[in-house]
Amino acid sequence: GRYPNVEFNFRRDKHGEFRQGVYVKEVKEAKEKGFDGIKKDEELLVSYGKSYWRSRVDGGDLTEFVWRLPNQPMPPGGKPN
């Protein structure tokens, strides 16, 4: 897959405790045409979001951190130096 098929979400358990879990995205929220859930042995893909990555980069600038933009081919030999 190319797009997230699961997402982090919050809920309360039967005792009222706040919990976070990973849930299959709803069909209406999926970006991939024909998305119909997750099949056995399919990889789980989740988006952590920009705020997650910004918090791990000095100064919050993702420009240096992101070396391949979405929909761009992988550079020959992998990550550039």
Protein backbone atom coordinates (compact mmCIF):
# COMPACT_ATOMS: atom_id res chain seq x y z
CA GLY A 1 0.00 0.00 0.00
CA ARG A 2 0.91 3.59 -0.45
CA TYR A 3 -1.47 5.36 1.91
CA PRO A 4 -2.17 4.87 5.62
CA ASN A 5 -4.71 2.11 6.19
CA VAL A 6 -4.76 2.44 9.99
CA GLU A 7 -4.83 5.43 12.33
CA PHE A 8 -4.16 6.27 15.95
CA ASN A 9 -7.38 6.97 17.79
CA PHE A 10 -8.62 7.51 21.33
CA ARG A 11 -11.45 5.80 23.16
CA ARG A 12 -12.63 5.07 26.67
CA ASP A 13 -12.66 1.52 27.92
CA LYS A 14 -15.55 -0.01 29.90
CA HIS A 15 -14.12 1.50 33.11
CA GLY A 16 -13.95 5.01 31.64
CA GLU A 17 -10.15 4.95 31.25
CA PHE A 18 -8.84 6.93 28.28
CA ARG A 19 -6.96 4.65 25.85
CA GLN A 20 -5.12 5.09 22.57
CA GLY A 21 -5.08 2.37 19.95
CA VAL A 22 -4.48 1.65 16.29
CA TYR A 23 -7.66 1.23 14.27
CA VAL A 24 -8.44 0.37 10.65
CA LYS A 25 -9.35 3.56 8.78
CA GLU A 26 -12.94 3.92 7.68
CA VAL A 27 -13.59 3.44 3.98
CA LYS A 28 -14.89 7.01 3.63
CA GLU A 29 -11.60 8.42 5.03
CA ALA A 30 -9.25 6.31 2.91
CA LYS A 31 -7.35 8.03 0.09
CA GLU A 32 -6.87 4.83 -1.90
CA LYS A 33 -9.62 3.97 -4.39
CA GLY A 34 -11.27 0.67 -3.68
CA PHE A 35 -10.07 0.55 -0.06
CA ASP A 36 -11.99 -2.18 1.71
CA GLY A 37 -10.13 -2.65 4.95
CA ILE A 38 -7.09 -4.77 5.70
CA LYS A 39 -6.58 -8.29 4.50
CA LYS A 40 -4.66 -11.05 6.26
CA ASP A 41 -0.86 -10.56 6.03
CA GLU A 42 -1.23 -7.01 4.67
CA GLU A 43 1.22 -4.41 5.99
CA LEU A 44 -0.18 -1.83 8.42
CA LEU A 45 0.64 1.73 7.35
CA VAL A 46 0.09 4.70 9.67
CA SER A 47 0.81 8.40 9.30
CA TYR A 48 2.55 9.87 12.34
CA GLY A 49 1.84 13.41 11.13
CA LYS A 50 4.05 16.43 10.61
CA SER A 51 4.04 17.45 14.28
CA TYR A 52 5.63 14.10 15.24
CA TRP A 53 8.50 14.60 12.79
CA ARG A 54 8.95 18.31 13.57
CA SER A 55 9.42 17.45 17.23
CA ARG A 56 12.38 15.24 16.27
CA VAL A 57 14.20 17.77 14.08
CA ASP A 58 16.31 20.64 15.45
CA GLY A 59 14.35 23.85 15.06
CA GLY A 60 11.34 22.05 13.58
CA ASP A 61 12.45 22.56 9.95
CA LEU A 62 11.69 19.42 7.95
CA THR A 63 13.46 20.62 4.78
CA GLU A 64 16.81 19.02 5.67
CA PHE A 65 15.15 16.00 7.24
CA VAL A 66 13.00 15.08 4.24
CA TRP A 67 15.31 14.03 1.42
CA ARG A 68 12.71 12.55 -0.93
CA LEU A 69 9.42 14.29 -1.56
CA PRO A 70 6.20 12.30 -2.03
CA ASN A 71 5.65 11.03 -5.57
CA GLN A 72 9.32 11.53 -6.45
CA PRO A 73 11.51 8.59 -7.52
CA MET A 74 14.10 7.14 -5.16
CA PRO A 75 17.57 8.57 -5.99
CA PRO A 76 19.97 6.05 -7.57
CA GLY A 77 21.70 4.16 -4.76
CA GLY A 78 19.19 5.30 -2.14
CA LYS A 79 19.47 8.32 0.15
CA PRO A 80 21.72 11.09 -1.22
CA ASN A 81 24.83 12.11 0.73
